[in-house]
């Protein structure tokens, strides 16, 4: 929540993926597809 007005470019990899999760869940889906979601993370 403290990053909501930050530019996405300013985030770390893990933070960017959290935004990706939020965007996908915002869609109110019945199915989530995750293509190598942690491959770029420590």
ModelCIF file with pLDDT and N, C-alpha, C, O atoms, coordinates in Angstrom:
data_MODEL
#
_entry.id   MODEL 
#
_entity.id                         1 
_entity.type                       polymer 
_entity.pdbx_number_of_molecules   1 
#
_entity_poly.entity_id                      1 
_entity_poly.type                           'polypeptide(L)' 
_entity_poly.nstd_linkage                   no 
_entity_poly.nstd_monomer                   no 
_entity_poly.pdbx_seq_one_letter_code       
;(UNK)(UNK)(UNK)(UNK)(UNK)(UNK)(UNK)(UNK)(UNK)(UNK)(UNK)(UNK)(UNK)(UNK)(UNK)(UNK)
(UNK)(UNK)(UNK)(UNK)(UNK)(UNK)(UNK)(UNK)(UNK)(UNK)(UNK)(UNK)(UNK)(UNK)(UNK)(UNK)
(UNK)(UNK)(UNK)(UNK)(UNK)(UNK)(UNK)(UNK)(UNK)(UNK)
;
_entity_poly.pdbx_seq_one_letter_code_can   XXXXXXXXXXXXXXXXXXXXXXXXXXXXXXXXXXXXXXXXXX 
_entity_poly.pdbx_strand_id                 A 
#
loop_
_entity_poly_seq.entity_id 
_entity_poly_seq.num 
_entity_poly_seq.mon_id 
_entity_poly_seq.hetero 
1 1  UNK n 
1 2  UNK n 
1 3  UNK n 
1 4  UNK n 
1 5  UNK n 
1 6  UNK n 
1 7  UNK n 
1 8  UNK n 
1 9  UNK n 
1 10 UNK n 
1 11 UNK n 
1 12 UNK n 
1 13 UNK n 
1 14 UNK n 
1 15 UNK n 
1 16 UNK n 
1 17 UNK n 
1 18 UNK n 
1 19 UNK n 
1 20 UNK n 
1 21 UNK n 
1 22 UNK n 
1 23 UNK n 
1 24 UNK n 
1 25 UNK n 
1 26 UNK n 
1 27 UNK n 
1 28 UNK n 
1 29 UNK n 
1 30 UNK n 
1 31 UNK n 
1 32 UNK n 
1 33 UNK n 
1 34 UNK n 
1 35 UNK n 
1 36 UNK n 
1 37 UNK n 
1 38 UNK n 
1 39 UNK n 
1 40 UNK n 
1 41 UNK n 
1 42 UNK n 
#
_struct_asym.id          A 
_struct_asym.entity_id   1 
#
loop_
_ma_qa_metric.id 
_ma_qa_metric.mode 
_ma_qa_metric.name 
_ma_qa_metric.software_group_id 
_ma_qa_metric.type 
1 global pLDDT . pLDDT 
2 local  pLDDT . pLDDT 
#
_ma_qa_metric_global.metric_id      1 
_ma_qa_metric_global.metric_value   95.76 
_ma_qa_metric_global.model_id       1 
_ma_qa_metric_global.ordinal_id     1 
#
loop_
_ma_qa_metric_local.label_asym_id 
_ma_qa_metric_local.label_comp_id 
_ma_qa_metric_local.label_seq_id 
_ma_qa_metric_local.metric_id 
_ma_qa_metric_local.metric_value 
_ma_qa_metric_local.model_id 
_ma_qa_metric_local.ordinal_id 
A UNK 1  2 94.00 1 1  
A UNK 2  2 96.00 1 2  
A UNK 3  2 97.00 1 3  
A UNK 4  2 96.00 1 4  
A UNK 5  2 96.00 1 5  
A UNK 6  2 97.00 1 6  
A UNK 7  2 97.00 1 7  
A UNK 8  2 97.00 1 8  
A UNK 9  2 97.00 1 9  
A UNK 10 2 96.00 1 10 
A UNK 11 2 97.00 1 11 
A UNK 12 2 96.00 1 12 
A UNK 13 2 95.00 1 13 
A UNK 14 2 96.00 1 14 
A UNK 15 2 97.00 1 15 
A UNK 16 2 97.00 1 16 
A UNK 17 2 97.00 1 17 
A UNK 18 2 97.00 1 18 
A UNK 19 2 97.00 1 19 
A UNK 20 2 97.00 1 20 
A UNK 21 2 97.00 1 21 
A UNK 22 2 97.00 1 22 
A UNK 23 2 97.00 1 23 
A UNK 24 2 97.00 1 24 
A UNK 25 2 97.00 1 25 
A UNK 26 2 96.00 1 26 
A UNK 27 2 95.00 1 27 
A UNK 28 2 95.00 1 28 
A UNK 29 2 96.00 1 29 
A UNK 30 2 96.00 1 30 
A UNK 31 2 97.00 1 31 
A UNK 32 2 97.00 1 32 
A UNK 33 2 97.00 1 33 
A UNK 34 2 96.00 1 34 
A UNK 35 2 94.00 1 35 
A UNK 36 2 94.00 1 36 
A UNK 37 2 95.00 1 37 
A UNK 38 2 95.00 1 38 
A UNK 39 2 91.00 1 39 
A UNK 40 2 88.00 1 40 
A UNK 41 2 93.00 1 41 
A UNK 42 2 93.00 1 42 
#
loop_
_atom_site.group_PDB 
_atom_site.id 
_atom_site.type_symbol 
_atom_site.label_atom_id 
_atom_site.label_alt_id 
_atom_site.label_comp_id 
_atom_site.label_asym_id 
_atom_site.label_entity_id 
_atom_site.label_seq_id 
_atom_site.pdbx_PDB_ins_code 
_atom_site.Cartn_x 
_atom_site.Cartn_y 
_atom_site.Cartn_z 
_atom_site.occupancy 
_atom_site.B_iso_or_equiv 
_atom_site.pdbx_formal_charge 
_atom_site.auth_seq_id 
_atom_site.auth_comp_id 
_atom_site.auth_asym_id 
_atom_site.auth_atom_id 
_atom_site.pdbx_PDB_model_num 
ATOM 1   N N  . UNK A 1 1  ? 0.811   -1.218  0.000   1.00 94.00 ? 1  UNK A N  1 
ATOM 2   C CA . UNK A 1 1  ? 0.000   0.000   0.000   1.00 94.00 ? 1  UNK A CA 1 
ATOM 3   C C  . UNK A 1 1  ? 0.848   1.273   0.000   1.00 94.00 ? 1  UNK A C  1 
ATOM 4   O O  . UNK A 1 1  ? 0.433   2.290   -0.555  1.00 94.00 ? 1  UNK A O  1 
ATOM 5   N N  . UNK A 1 2  ? 2.041   1.226   0.622   1.00 96.00 ? 2  UNK A N  1 
ATOM 6   C CA . UNK A 1 2  ? 2.871   2.428   0.691   1.00 96.00 ? 2  UNK A CA 1 
ATOM 7   C C  . UNK A 1 2  ? 3.506   2.784   -0.647  1.00 96.00 ? 2  UNK A C  1 
ATOM 8   O O  . UNK A 1 2  ? 4.061   3.870   -0.812  1.00 96.00 ? 2  UNK A O  1 
ATOM 9   N N  . UNK A 1 3  ? 3.420   1.845   -1.614  1.00 97.00 ? 3  UNK A N  1 
ATOM 10  C CA . UNK A 1 3  ? 4.013   2.089   -2.935  1.00 97.00 ? 3  UNK A CA 1 
ATOM 11  C C  . UNK A 1 3  ? 2.959   2.397   -4.009  1.00 97.00 ? 3  UNK A C  1 
ATOM 12  O O  . UNK A 1 3  ? 3.287   2.443   -5.195  1.00 97.00 ? 3  UNK A O  1 
ATOM 13  N N  . UNK A 1 4  ? 1.707   2.606   -3.608  1.00 96.00 ? 4  UNK A N  1 
ATOM 14  C CA . UNK A 1 4  ? 0.631   2.657   -4.602  1.00 96.00 ? 4  UNK A CA 1 
ATOM 15  C C  . UNK A 1 4  ? 0.808   3.788   -5.612  1.00 96.00 ? 4  UNK A C  1 
ATOM 16  O O  . UNK A 1 4  ? 0.342   3.664   -6.745  1.00 96.00 ? 4  UNK A O  1 
ATOM 17  N N  . UNK A 1 5  ? 1.466   4.886   -5.237  1.00 96.00 ? 5  UNK A N  1 
ATOM 18  C CA . UNK A 1 5  ? 1.644   5.997   -6.181  1.00 96.00 ? 5  UNK A CA 1 
ATOM 19  C C  . UNK A 1 5  ? 3.060   6.058   -6.761  1.00 96.00 ? 5  UNK A C  1 
ATOM 20  O O  . UNK A 1 5  ? 3.391   6.984   -7.502  1.00 96.00 ? 5  UNK A O  1 
ATOM 21  N N  . UNK A 1 6  ? 3.888   5.073   -6.423  1.00 97.00 ? 6  UNK A N  1 
ATOM 22  C CA . UNK A 1 6  ? 5.216   4.973   -7.043  1.00 97.00 ? 6  UNK A CA 1 
ATOM 23  C C  . UNK A 1 6  ? 5.091   4.473   -8.473  1.00 97.00 ? 6  UNK A C  1 
ATOM 24  O O  . UNK A 1 6  ? 4.157   3.742   -8.803  1.00 97.00 ? 6  UNK A O  1 
ATOM 25  N N  . UNK A 1 7  ? 6.033   4.866   -9.321  1.00 97.00 ? 7  UNK A N  1 
ATOM 26  C CA . UNK A 1 7  ? 6.081   4.291   -10.659 1.00 97.00 ? 7  UNK A CA 1 
ATOM 27  C C  . UNK A 1 7  ? 6.507   2.831   -10.564 1.00 97.00 ? 7  UNK A C  1 
ATOM 28  O O  . UNK A 1 7  ? 7.355   2.475   -9.746  1.00 97.00 ? 7  UNK A O  1 
ATOM 29  N N  . UNK A 1 8  ? 5.919   2.003   -11.394 1.00 97.00 ? 8  UNK A N  1 
ATOM 30  C CA . UNK A 1 8  ? 6.241   0.576   -11.370 1.00 97.00 ? 8  UNK A CA 1 
ATOM 31  C C  . UNK A 1 8  ? 7.719   0.324   -11.651 1.00 97.00 ? 8  UNK A C  1 
ATOM 32  O O  . UNK A 1 8  ? 8.281   -0.671  -11.193 1.00 97.00 ? 8  UNK A O  1 
ATOM 33  N N  . UNK A 1 9  ? 8.346   1.222   -12.403 1.00 97.00 ? 9  UNK A N  1 
ATOM 34  C CA . UNK A 1 9  ? 9.763   1.062   -12.748 1.00 97.00 ? 9  UNK A CA 1 
ATOM 35  C C  . UNK A 1 9  ? 10.672  1.181   -11.539 1.00 97.00 ? 9  UNK A C  1 
ATOM 36  O O  . UNK A 1 9  ? 11.820  0.740   -11.592 1.00 97.00 ? 9  UNK A O  1 
ATOM 37  N N  . UNK A 1 10 ? 10.187  1.766   -10.444 1.00 96.00 ? 10 UNK A N  1 
ATOM 38  C CA . UNK A 1 10 ? 11.008  1.990   -9.258  1.00 96.00 ? 10 UNK A CA 1 
ATOM 39  C C  . UNK A 1 10 ? 11.036  0.789   -8.300  1.00 96.00 ? 10 UNK A C  1 
ATOM 40  O O  . UNK A 1 10 ? 11.729  0.827   -7.283  1.00 96.00 ? 10 UNK A O  1 
ATOM 41  N N  . UNK A 1 11 ? 10.301  -0.250  -8.613  1.00 97.00 ? 11 UNK A N  1 
ATOM 42  C CA . UNK A 1 11 ? 10.151  -1.376  -7.695  1.00 97.00 ? 11 UNK A CA 1 
ATOM 43  C C  . UNK A 1 11 ? 11.223  -2.442  -7.902  1.00 97.00 ? 11 UNK A C  1 
ATOM 44  O O  . UNK A 1 11 ? 11.841  -2.530  -8.963  1.00 97.00 ? 11 UNK A O  1 
ATOM 45  N N  . UNK A 1 12 ? 11.426  -3.248  -6.863  1.00 96.00 ? 12 UNK A N  1 
ATOM 46  C CA . UNK A 1 12 ? 12.288  -4.419  -6.988  1.00 96.00 ? 12 UNK A CA 1 
ATOM 47  C C  . UNK A 1 12 ? 11.529  -5.523  -7.723  1.00 96.00 ? 12 UNK A C  1 
ATOM 48  O O  . UNK A 1 12 ? 10.330  -5.399  -7.971  1.00 96.00 ? 12 UNK A O  1 
ATOM 49  N N  . UNK A 1 13 ? 12.233  -6.602  -8.071  1.00 95.00 ? 13 UNK A N  1 
ATOM 50  C CA . UNK A 1 13 ? 11.595  -7.706  -8.773  1.00 95.00 ? 13 UNK A CA 1 
ATOM 51  C C  . UNK A 1 13 ? 10.453  -8.323  -7.986  1.00 95.00 ? 13 UNK A C  1 
ATOM 52  O O  . UNK A 1 13 ? 9.377   -8.570  -8.530  1.00 95.00 ? 13 UNK A O  1 
ATOM 53  N N  . UNK A 1 14 ? 10.688  -8.572  -6.699  1.00 96.00 ? 14 UNK A N  1 
ATOM 54  C CA . UNK A 1 14 ? 9.645   -9.153  -5.867  1.00 96.00 ? 14 UNK A CA 1 
ATOM 55  C C  . UNK A 1 14 ? 8.434   -8.241  -5.734  1.00 96.00 ? 14 UNK A C  1 
ATOM 56  O O  . UNK A 1 14 ? 7.294   -8.705  -5.732  1.00 96.00 ? 14 UNK A O  1 
ATOM 57  N N  . UNK A 1 15 ? 8.689   -6.931  -5.623  1.00 97.00 ? 15 UNK A N  1 
ATOM 58  C CA . UNK A 1 15 ? 7.586   -5.969  -5.542  1.00 97.00 ? 15 UNK A CA 1 
ATOM 59  C C  . UNK A 1 15 ? 6.801   -5.914  -6.846  1.00 97.00 ? 15 UNK A C  1 
ATOM 60  O O  . UNK A 1 15 ? 5.573   -5.824  -6.834  1.00 97.00 ? 15 UNK A O  1 
ATOM 61  N N  . UNK A 1 16 ? 7.507   -5.969  -7.965  1.00 97.00 ? 16 UNK A N  1 
ATOM 62  C CA . UNK A 1 16 ? 6.820   -5.975  -9.266  1.00 97.00 ? 16 UNK A CA 1 
ATOM 63  C C  . UNK A 1 16 ? 5.909   -7.186  -9.388  1.00 97.00 ? 16 UNK A C  1 
ATOM 64  O O  . UNK A 1 16 ? 4.804   -7.083  -9.921  1.00 97.00 ? 16 UNK A O  1 
ATOM 65  N N  . UNK A 1 17 ? 6.369   -8.344  -8.892  1.00 97.00 ? 17 UNK A N  1 
ATOM 66  C CA . UNK A 1 17 ? 5.537   -9.538  -9.007  1.00 97.00 ? 17 UNK A CA 1 
ATOM 67  C C  . UNK A 1 17 ? 4.329   -9.449  -8.091  1.00 97.00 ? 17 UNK A C  1 
ATOM 68  O O  . UNK A 1 17 ? 3.275   -9.996  -8.417  1.00 97.00 ? 17 UNK A O  1 
ATOM 69  N N  . UNK A 1 18 ? 4.452   -8.773  -6.951  1.00 97.00 ? 18 UNK A N  1 
ATOM 70  C CA . UNK A 1 18 ? 3.281   -8.558  -6.095  1.00 97.00 ? 18 UNK A CA 1 
ATOM 71  C C  . UNK A 1 18 ? 2.236   -7.724  -6.823  1.00 97.00 ? 18 UNK A C  1 
ATOM 72  O O  . UNK A 1 18 ? 1.037   -7.980  -6.710  1.00 97.00 ? 18 UNK A O  1 
ATOM 73  N N  . UNK A 1 19 ? 2.696   -6.729  -7.567  1.00 97.00 ? 19 UNK A N  1 
ATOM 74  C CA . UNK A 1 19 ? 1.773   -5.904  -8.366  1.00 97.00 ? 19 UNK A CA 1 
ATOM 75  C C  . UNK A 1 19 ? 1.115   -6.762  -9.445  1.00 97.00 ? 19 UNK A C  1 
ATOM 76  O O  . UNK A 1 19 ? -0.073  -6.611  -9.732  1.00 97.00 ? 19 UNK A O  1 
ATOM 77  N N  . UNK A 1 20 ? 1.900   -7.664  -10.039 1.00 97.00 ? 20 UNK A N  1 
ATOM 78  C CA . UNK A 1 20 ? 1.348   -8.570  -11.036 1.00 97.00 ? 20 UNK A CA 1 
ATOM 79  C C  . UNK A 1 20 ? 0.262   -9.466  -10.453 1.00 97.00 ? 20 UNK A C  1 
ATOM 80  O O  . UNK A 1 20 ? -0.753  -9.722  -11.101 1.00 97.00 ? 20 UNK A O  1 
ATOM 81  N N  . UNK A 1 21 ? 0.476   -9.941  -9.227  1.00 97.00 ? 21 UNK A N  1 
ATOM 82  C CA . UNK A 1 21 ? -0.535  -10.770 -8.551  1.00 97.00 ? 21 UNK A CA 1 
ATOM 83  C C  . UNK A 1 21 ? -1.789  -9.941  -8.283  1.00 97.00 ? 21 UNK A C  1 
ATOM 84  O O  . UNK A 1 21 ? -2.906  -10.394 -8.531  1.00 97.00 ? 21 UNK A O  1 
ATOM 85  N N  . UNK A 1 22 ? -1.595  -8.719  -7.774  1.00 97.00 ? 22 UNK A N  1 
ATOM 86  C CA . UNK A 1 22 ? -2.745  -7.857  -7.477  1.00 97.00 ? 22 UNK A CA 1 
ATOM 87  C C  . UNK A 1 22 ? -3.554  -7.571  -8.737  1.00 97.00 ? 22 UNK A C  1 
ATOM 88  O O  . UNK A 1 22 ? -4.784  -7.603  -8.704  1.00 97.00 ? 22 UNK A O  1 
ATOM 89  N N  . UNK A 1 23 ? -2.879  -7.294  -9.840  1.00 97.00 ? 23 UNK A N  1 
ATOM 90  C CA . UNK A 1 23 ? -3.573  -7.013  -11.109 1.00 97.00 ? 23 UNK A CA 1 
ATOM 91  C C  . UNK A 1 23 ? -4.392  -8.225  -11.554 1.00 97.00 ? 23 UNK A C  1 
ATOM 92  O O  . UNK A 1 23 ? -5.532  -8.080  -11.994 1.00 97.00 ? 23 UNK A O  1 
ATOM 93  N N  . UNK A 1 24 ? -3.806  -9.422  -11.437 1.00 97.00 ? 24 UNK A N  1 
ATOM 94  C CA . UNK A 1 24 ? -4.513  -10.632 -11.852 1.00 97.00 ? 24 UNK A CA 1 
ATOM 95  C C  . UNK A 1 24 ? -5.722  -10.913 -10.965 1.00 97.00 ? 24 UNK A C  1 
ATOM 96  O O  . UNK A 1 24 ? -6.783  -11.284 -11.465 1.00 97.00 ? 24 UNK A O  1 
ATOM 97  N N  . UNK A 1 25 ? -5.570  -10.739 -9.653  1.00 97.00 ? 25 UNK A N  1 
ATOM 98  C CA . UNK A 1 25 ? -6.680  -10.978 -8.720  1.00 97.00 ? 25 UNK A CA 1 
ATOM 99  C C  . UNK A 1 25 ? -7.749  -9.900  -8.879  1.00 97.00 ? 25 UNK A C  1 
ATOM 100 O O  . UNK A 1 25 ? -8.934  -10.165 -8.677  1.00 97.00 ? 25 UNK A O  1 
ATOM 101 N N  . UNK A 1 26 ? -7.335  -8.684  -9.240  1.00 96.00 ? 26 UNK A N  1 
ATOM 102 C CA . UNK A 1 26 ? -8.280  -7.586  -9.484  1.00 96.00 ? 26 UNK A CA 1 
ATOM 103 C C  . UNK A 1 26 ? -9.284  -7.963  -10.569 1.00 96.00 ? 26 UNK A C  1 
ATOM 104 O O  . UNK A 1 26 ? -10.411 -7.468  -10.576 1.00 96.00 ? 26 UNK A O  1 
ATOM 105 N N  . UNK A 1 27 ? -8.888  -8.810  -11.451 1.00 95.00 ? 27 UNK A N  1 
ATOM 106 C CA . UNK A 1 27 ? -9.726  -9.259  -12.560 1.00 95.00 ? 27 UNK A CA 1 
ATOM 107 C C  . UNK A 1 27 ? -10.866 -10.163 -12.100 1.00 95.00 ? 27 UNK A C  1 
ATOM 108 O O  . UNK A 1 27 ? -11.779 -10.458 -12.871 1.00 95.00 ? 27 UNK A O  1 
ATOM 109 N N  . UNK A 1 28 ? -10.813 -10.608 -10.829 1.00 95.00 ? 28 UNK A N  1 
ATOM 110 C CA . UNK A 1 28 ? -11.799 -11.521 -10.248 1.00 95.00 ? 28 UNK A CA 1 
ATOM 111 C C  . UNK A 1 28 ? -11.918 -12.802 -11.087 1.00 95.00 ? 28 UNK A C  1 
ATOM 112 O O  . UNK A 1 28 ? -13.013 -13.181 -11.503 1.00 95.00 ? 28 UNK A O  1 
ATOM 113 N N  . UNK A 1 29 ? -10.781 -13.459 -11.326 1.00 96.00 ? 29 UNK A N  1 
ATOM 114 C CA . UNK A 1 29 ? -10.787 -14.644 -12.189 1.00 96.00 ? 29 UNK A CA 1 
ATOM 115 C C  . UNK A 1 29 ? -11.260 -15.898 -11.451 1.00 96.00 ? 29 UNK A C  1 
ATOM 116 O O  . UNK A 1 29 ? -11.295 -15.941 -10.222 1.00 96.00 ? 29 UNK A O  1 
ATOM 117 N N  . UNK A 1 30 ? -11.615 -16.898 -12.224 1.00 96.00 ? 30 UNK A N  1 
ATOM 118 C CA . UNK A 1 30 ? -11.881 -18.223 -11.671 1.00 96.00 ? 30 UNK A CA 1 
ATOM 119 C C  . UNK A 1 30 ? -10.644 -19.108 -11.754 1.00 96.00 ? 30 UNK A C  1 
ATOM 120 O O  . UNK A 1 30 ? -10.552 -20.143 -11.095 1.00 96.00 ? 30 UNK A O  1 
ATOM 121 N N  . UNK A 1 31 ? -9.686  -18.669 -12.591 1.00 97.00 ? 31 UNK A N  1 
ATOM 122 C CA . UNK A 1 31 ? -8.469  -19.448 -12.814 1.00 97.00 ? 31 UNK A CA 1 
ATOM 123 C C  . UNK A 1 31 ? -7.282  -18.500 -12.936 1.00 97.00 ? 31 UNK A C  1 
ATOM 124 O O  . UNK A 1 31 ? -7.347  -17.502 -13.655 1.00 97.00 ? 31 UNK A O  1 
ATOM 125 N N  . UNK A 1 32 ? -6.199  -18.816 -12.232 1.00 97.00 ? 32 UNK A N  1 
ATOM 126 C CA . UNK A 1 32 ? -4.950  -18.064 -12.347 1.00 97.00 ? 32 UNK A CA 1 
ATOM 127 C C  . UNK A 1 32 ? -3.923  -18.910 -13.085 1.00 97.00 ? 32 UNK A C  1 
ATOM 128 O O  . UNK A 1 32 ? -3.706  -20.074 -12.751 1.00 97.00 ? 32 UNK A O  1 
ATOM 129 N N  . UNK A 1 33 ? -3.289  -18.308 -14.099 1.00 97.00 ? 33 UNK A N  1 
ATOM 130 C CA . UNK A 1 33 ? -2.210  -18.968 -14.825 1.00 97.00 ? 33 UNK A CA 1 
ATOM 131 C C  . UNK A 1 33 ? -0.918  -18.230 -14.532 1.00 97.00 ? 33 UNK A C  1 
ATOM 132 O O  . UNK A 1 33 ? -0.824  -17.022 -14.751 1.00 97.00 ? 33 UNK A O  1 
ATOM 133 N N  . UNK A 1 34 ? 0.072   -18.946 -14.041 1.00 96.00 ? 34 UNK A N  1 
ATOM 134 C CA . UNK A 1 34 ? 1.329   -18.318 -13.631 1.00 96.00 ? 34 UNK A CA 1 
ATOM 135 C C  . UNK A 1 34 ? 2.478   -18.967 -14.405 1.00 96.00 ? 34 UNK A C  1 
ATOM 136 O O  . UNK A 1 34 ? 2.784   -20.143 -14.208 1.00 96.00 ? 34 UNK A O  1 
ATOM 137 N N  . UNK A 1 35 ? 3.105   -18.193 -15.281 1.00 94.00 ? 35 UNK A N  1 
ATOM 138 C CA . UNK A 1 35 ? 4.154   -18.736 -16.139 1.00 94.00 ? 35 UNK A CA 1 
ATOM 139 C C  . UNK A 1 35 ? 5.521   -18.403 -15.559 1.00 94.00 ? 35 UNK A C  1 
ATOM 140 O O  . UNK A 1 35 ? 6.019   -17.291 -15.734 1.00 94.00 ? 35 UNK A O  1 
ATOM 141 N N  . UNK A 1 36 ? 6.130   -19.365 -14.867 1.00 94.00 ? 36 UNK A N  1 
ATOM 142 C CA . UNK A 1 36 ? 7.435   -19.191 -14.218 1.00 94.00 ? 36 UNK A CA 1 
ATOM 143 C C  . UNK A 1 36 ? 7.467   -17.919 -13.357 1.00 94.00 ? 36 UNK A C  1 
ATOM 144 O O  . UNK A 1 36 ? 8.336   -17.074 -13.567 1.00 94.00 ? 36 UNK A O  1 
ATOM 145 N N  . UNK A 1 37 ? 6.551   -17.759 -12.398 1.00 95.00 ? 37 UNK A N  1 
ATOM 146 C CA . UNK A 1 37 ? 6.406   -16.494 -11.667 1.00 95.00 ? 37 UNK A CA 1 
ATOM 147 C C  . UNK A 1 37 ? 7.574   -16.126 -10.767 1.00 95.00 ? 37 UNK A C  1 
ATOM 148 O O  . UNK A 1 37 ? 7.690   -14.971 -10.357 1.00 95.00 ? 37 UNK A O  1 
ATOM 149 N N  . UNK A 1 38 ? 8.464   -17.104 -10.441 1.00 95.00 ? 38 UNK A N  1 
ATOM 150 C CA . UNK A 1 38 ? 9.581   -16.803 -9.536  1.00 95.00 ? 38 UNK A CA 1 
ATOM 151 C C  . UNK A 1 38 ? 10.934  -17.016 -10.198 1.00 95.00 ? 38 UNK A C  1 
ATOM 152 O O  . UNK A 1 38 ? 11.964  -16.976 -9.524  1.00 95.00 ? 38 UNK A O  1 
ATOM 153 N N  . UNK A 1 39 ? 10.947  -17.239 -11.498 1.00 91.00 ? 39 UNK A N  1 
ATOM 154 C CA . UNK A 1 39 ? 12.204  -17.565 -12.193 1.00 91.00 ? 39 UNK A CA 1 
ATOM 155 C C  . UNK A 1 39 ? 13.210  -16.423 -12.144 1.00 91.00 ? 39 UNK A C  1 
ATOM 156 O O  . UNK A 1 39 ? 14.416  -16.665 -12.192 1.00 91.00 ? 39 UNK A O  1 
ATOM 157 N N  . UNK A 1 40 ? 12.734  -15.178 -12.048 1.00 88.00 ? 40 UNK A N  1 
ATOM 158 C CA . UNK A 1 40 ? 13.629  -14.020 -12.059 1.00 88.00 ? 40 UNK A CA 1 
ATOM 159 C C  . UNK A 1 40 ? 13.959  -13.505 -10.664 1.00 88.00 ? 40 UNK A C  1 
ATOM 160 O O  . UNK A 1 40 ? 14.584  -12.454 -10.521 1.00 88.00 ? 40 UNK A O  1 
ATOM 161 N N  . UNK A 1 41 ? 13.539  -14.248 -9.621  1.00 93.00 ? 41 UNK A N  1 
ATOM 162 C CA . UNK A 1 41 ? 13.666  -13.749 -8.253  1.00 93.00 ? 41 UNK A CA 1 
ATOM 163 C C  . UNK A 1 41 ? 14.698  -14.531 -7.445  1.00 93.00 ? 41 UNK A C  1 
ATOM 164 O O  . UNK A 1 41 ? 14.973  -15.697 -7.729  1.00 93.00 ? 41 UNK A O  1 
ATOM 165 N N  . UNK A 1 42 ? 15.271  -13.866 -6.424  1.00 93.00 ? 42 UNK A N  1 
ATOM 166 C CA . UNK A 1 42 ? 16.164  -14.544 -5.497  1.00 93.00 ? 42 UNK A CA 1 
ATOM 167 C C  . UNK A 1 42 ? 15.339  -15.464 -4.597  1.00 93.00 ? 42 UNK A C  1 
ATOM 168 O O  . UNK A 1 42 ? 15.893  -16.141 -3.731  1.00 93.00 ? 42 UNK A O  1 
#
